[in-house]
Amino acid sequence: MSKELNNNRFPNLDKYTQKHVDVEQAIKRYIKPGDRIFIDSGC
């Protein structure tokens, strides 16, 4: 059962990682470096 859980988890992890990268790019694009607040909270 652990293997099945891991196989199901990886695609979700890939999607989350891609989404996280997009969020970081949006933050860097729209928020000035001096205005960054609580970005490392890992939401």
PDB file of N, CA and C in Angstrom:
ATOM      1  N   MET A   1       0.835  -1.202   0.000  1.00  0.00           N
ATOM      2  CA  MET A   1       0.000   0.000   0.000  1.00  0.00           C
ATOM      3  C   MET A   1       0.869   1.252   0.000  1.00  0.00           C
ATOM      4  N   SER A   2       2.028   1.171   0.584  1.00  0.00           N
ATOM      5  CA  SER A   2       2.927   2.324   0.605  1.00  0.00           C
ATOM      6  C   SER A   2       3.344   2.712  -0.806  1.00  0.00           C
ATOM      7  N   LYS A   3       3.589   1.703  -1.655  1.00  0.00           N
ATOM      8  CA  LYS A   3       3.997   2.002  -3.035  1.00  0.00           C
ATOM      9  C   LYS A   3       2.877   2.725  -3.778  1.00  0.00           C
ATOM     10  N   GLU A   4       1.644   2.264  -3.590  1.00  0.00           N
ATOM     11  CA  GLU A   4       0.511   2.911  -4.256  1.00  0.00           C
ATOM     12  C   GLU A   4       0.369   4.350  -3.781  1.00  0.00           C
ATOM     13  N   LEU A   5       0.540   4.564  -2.496  1.00  0.00           N
ATOM     14  CA  LEU A   5       0.418   5.905  -1.933  1.00  0.00           C
ATOM     15  C   LEU A   5       1.497   6.813  -2.506  1.00  0.00           C
ATOM     16  N   ASN A   6       2.717   6.299  -2.609  1.00  0.00           N
ATOM     17  CA  ASN A   6       3.810   7.091  -3.169  1.00  0.00           C
ATOM     18  C   ASN A   6       3.563   7.402  -4.643  1.00  0.00           C
ATOM     19  N   ASN A   7       3.076   6.414  -5.396  1.00  0.00           N
ATOM     20  CA  ASN A   7       2.807   6.631  -6.820  1.00  0.00           C
ATOM     21  C   ASN A   7       1.729   7.696  -7.010  1.00  0.00           C
ATOM     22  N   ASN A   8       0.751   7.707  -6.135  1.00  0.00           N
ATOM     23  CA  ASN A   8      -0.317   8.703  -6.229  1.00  0.00           C
ATOM     24  C   ASN A   8       0.164  10.063  -5.743  1.00  0.00           C
ATOM     25  N   ARG A   9       1.165  10.060  -4.893  1.00  0.00           N
ATOM     26  CA  ARG A   9       1.615  11.306  -4.281  1.00  0.00           C
ATOM     27  C   ARG A   9       2.526  12.092  -5.217  1.00  0.00           C
ATOM     28  N   PHE A  10       3.324  11.403  -6.025  1.00  0.00           N
ATOM     29  CA  PHE A  10       4.302  12.106  -6.865  1.00  0.00           C
ATOM     30  C   PHE A  10       3.665  13.069  -7.867  1.00  0.00           C
ATOM     31  N   PRO A  11       2.614  12.678  -8.599  1.00  0.00           N
ATOM     32  CA  PRO A  11       1.996  13.630  -9.542  1.00  0.00           C
ATOM     33  C   PRO A  11       1.495  14.876  -8.826  1.00  0.00           C
ATOM     34  N   ASN A  12       0.914  14.697  -7.644  1.00  0.00           N
ATOM     35  CA  ASN A  12       0.436  15.842  -6.874  1.00  0.00           C
ATOM     36  C   ASN A  12       1.606  16.718  -6.452  1.00  0.00           C
ATOM     37  N   LEU A  13       2.708  16.092  -6.099  1.00  0.00           N
ATOM     38  CA  LEU A  13       3.891  16.838  -5.694  1.00  0.00           C
ATOM     39  C   LEU A  13       4.428  17.643  -6.871  1.00  0.00           C
ATOM     40  N   ASP A  14       4.429  17.035  -8.059  1.00  0.00           N
ATOM     41  CA  ASP A  14       4.899  17.755  -9.251  1.00  0.00           C
ATOM     42  C   ASP A  14       4.011  18.963  -9.529  1.00  0.00           C
ATOM     43  N   LYS A  15       2.700  18.785  -9.415  1.00  0.00           N
ATOM     44  CA  LYS A  15       1.772  19.892  -9.656  1.00  0.00           C
ATOM     45  C   LYS A  15       1.984  20.987  -8.626  1.00  0.00           C
ATOM     46  N   TYR A  16       2.162  20.588  -7.363  1.00  0.00           N
ATOM     47  CA  TYR A  16       2.374  21.565  -6.294  1.00  0.00           C
ATOM     48  C   TYR A  16       3.665  22.327  -6.527  1.00  0.00           C
ATOM     49  N   THR A  17       4.718  21.606  -6.934  1.00  0.00           N
ATOM     50  CA  THR A  17       6.011  22.250  -7.174  1.00  0.00           C
ATOM     51  C   THR A  17       5.892  23.267  -8.294  1.00  0.00           C
ATOM     52  N   GLN A  18       5.233  22.905  -9.389  1.00  0.00           N
ATOM     53  CA  GLN A  18       5.059  23.826 -10.512  1.00  0.00           C
ATOM     54  C   GLN A  18       4.259  25.046 -10.068  1.00  0.00           C
ATOM     55  N   LYS A  19       3.211  24.822  -9.303  1.00  0.00           N
ATOM     56  CA  LYS A  19       2.382  25.926  -8.823  1.00  0.00           C
ATOM     57  C   LYS A  19       3.189  26.830  -7.906  1.00  0.00           C
ATOM     58  N   HIS A  20       4.001  26.235  -7.053  1.00  0.00           N
ATOM     59  CA  HIS A  20       4.822  27.004  -6.125  1.00  0.00           C
ATOM     60  C   HIS A  20       5.795  27.890  -6.889  1.00  0.00           C
ATOM     61  N   VAL A  21       6.389  27.365  -7.946  1.00  0.00           N
ATOM     62  CA  VAL A  21       7.316  28.146  -8.770  1.00  0.00           C
ATOM     63  C   VAL A  21       6.577  29.325  -9.406  1.00  0.00           C
ATOM     64  N   ASP A  22       5.380  29.073  -9.905  1.00  0.00           N
ATOM     65  CA  ASP A  22       4.586  30.143 -10.519  1.00  0.00           C
ATOM     66  C   ASP A  22       4.280  31.231  -9.496  1.00  0.00           C
ATOM     67  N   VAL A  23       3.960  30.832  -8.275  1.00  0.00           N
ATOM     68  CA  VAL A  23       3.661  31.797  -7.214  1.00  0.00           C
ATOM     69  C   VAL A  23       4.892  32.640  -6.905  1.00  0.00           C
ATOM     70  N   GLU A  24       6.060  31.995  -6.824  1.00  0.00           N
ATOM     71  CA  GLU A  24       7.291  32.735  -6.545  1.00  0.00           C
ATOM     72  C   GLU A  24       7.578  33.732  -7.658  1.00  0.00           C
ATOM     73  N   GLN A  25       7.365  33.328  -8.908  1.00  0.00           N
ATOM     74  CA  GLN A  25       7.601  34.235 -10.036  1.00  0.00           C
ATOM     75  C   GLN A  25       6.650  35.421  -9.963  1.00  0.00           C
ATOM     76  N   ALA A  26       5.406  35.169  -9.604  1.00  0.00           N
ATOM     77  CA  ALA A  26       4.423  36.251  -9.490  1.00  0.00           C
ATOM     78  C   ALA A  26       4.820  37.210  -8.372  1.00  0.00           C
ATOM     79  N   ILE A  27       5.291  36.647  -7.258  1.00  0.00           N
ATOM     80  CA  ILE A  27       5.718  37.485  -6.134  1.00  0.00           C
ATOM     81  C   ILE A  27       6.893  38.363  -6.547  1.00  0.00           C
ATOM     82  N   LYS A  28       7.873  37.774  -7.205  1.00  0.00           N
ATOM     83  CA  LYS A  28       9.046  38.542  -7.626  1.00  0.00           C
ATOM     84  C   LYS A  28       8.654  39.612  -8.637  1.00  0.00           C
ATOM     85  N   ARG A  29       7.650  39.332  -9.442  1.00  0.00           N
ATOM     86  CA  ARG A  29       7.243  40.256 -10.499  1.00  0.00           C
ATOM     87  C   ARG A  29       6.451  41.433  -9.934  1.00  0.00           C
ATOM     88  N   TYR A  30       5.545  41.158  -8.985  1.00  0.00           N
ATOM     89  CA  TYR A  30       4.602  42.186  -8.547  1.00  0.00           C
ATOM     90  C   TYR A  30       4.958  42.830  -7.208  1.00  0.00           C
ATOM     91  N   ILE A  31       5.804  42.177  -6.421  1.00  0.00           N
ATOM     92  CA  ILE A  31       6.146  42.715  -5.107  1.00  0.00           C
ATOM     93  C   ILE A  31       7.607  43.140  -5.089  1.00  0.00           C
ATOM     94  N   LYS A  32       7.853  44.339  -4.648  1.00  0.00           N
ATOM     95  CA  LYS A  32       9.225  44.839  -4.564  1.00  0.00           C
ATOM     96  C   LYS A  32       9.970  44.082  -3.468  1.00  0.00           C
ATOM     97  N   PRO A  33      11.281  43.888  -3.618  1.00  0.00           N
ATOM     98  CA  PRO A  33      12.070  43.143  -2.633  1.00  0.00           C
ATOM     99  C   PRO A  33      11.887  43.684  -1.218  1.00  0.00           C
ATOM    100  N   GLY A  34      11.737  44.994  -1.064  1.00  0.00           N
ATOM    101  CA  GLY A  34      11.590  45.586   0.264  1.00  0.00           C
ATOM    102  C   GLY A  34      10.224  45.342   0.879  1.00  0.00           C
ATOM    103  N   ASP A  35       9.269  44.916   0.049  1.00  0.00           N
ATOM    104  CA  ASP A  35       7.898  44.743   0.535  1.00  0.00           C
ATOM    105  C   ASP A  35       7.543  43.279   0.774  1.00  0.00           C
ATOM    106  N   ARG A  36       8.517  42.387   0.660  1.00  0.00           N
ATOM    107  CA  ARG A  36       8.231  40.960   0.832  1.00  0.00           C
ATOM    108  C   ARG A  36       7.978  40.659   2.302  1.00  0.00           C
ATOM    109  N   ILE A  37       6.819  40.040   2.601  1.00  0.00           N
ATOM    110  CA  ILE A  37       6.468  39.735   3.985  1.00  0.00           C
ATOM    111  C   ILE A  37       5.913  38.323   4.096  1.00  0.00           C
ATOM    112  N   PHE A  38       6.471  37.544   4.998  1.00  0.00           N
ATOM    113  CA  PHE A  38       5.960  36.205   5.317  1.00  0.00           C
ATOM    114  C   PHE A  38       5.833  35.309   4.093  1.00  0.00           C
ATOM    115  N   ILE A  39       6.745  35.417   3.152  1.00  0.00           N
ATOM    116  CA  ILE A  39       6.687  34.580   1.951  1.00  0.00           C
ATOM    117  C   ILE A  39       7.228  33.178   2.252  1.00  0.00           C
ATOM    118  N   ASP A  40       8.112  33.066   3.239  1.00  0.00           N
ATOM    119  CA  ASP A  40       8.731  31.782   3.554  1.00  0.00           C
ATOM    120  C   ASP A  40       7.882  30.955   4.511  1.00  0.00           C
ATOM    121  N   SER A  41       6.609  31.292   4.679  1.00  0.00           N
ATOM    122  CA  SER A  41       5.759  30.571   5.620  1.00  0.00           C
ATOM    123  C   SER A  41       5.408  29.178   5.106  1.00  0.00           C
ATOM    124  N   GLY A  42       5.619  28.912   3.802  1.00  0.00           N
ATOM    125  CA  GLY A  42       5.395  27.576   3.252  1.00  0.00           C
ATOM    126  C   GLY A  42       3.932  27.221   3.147  1.00  0.00           C
ATOM    127  N   CYS A  43       3.106  28.143   2.715  1.00  0.00           N
ATOM    128  CA  CYS A  43       1.669  27.877   2.596  1.00  0.00           C
ATOM    129  C   CYS A  43       1.443  26.803   1.549  1.00  0.00           C
TER     130      CYS A  43
END
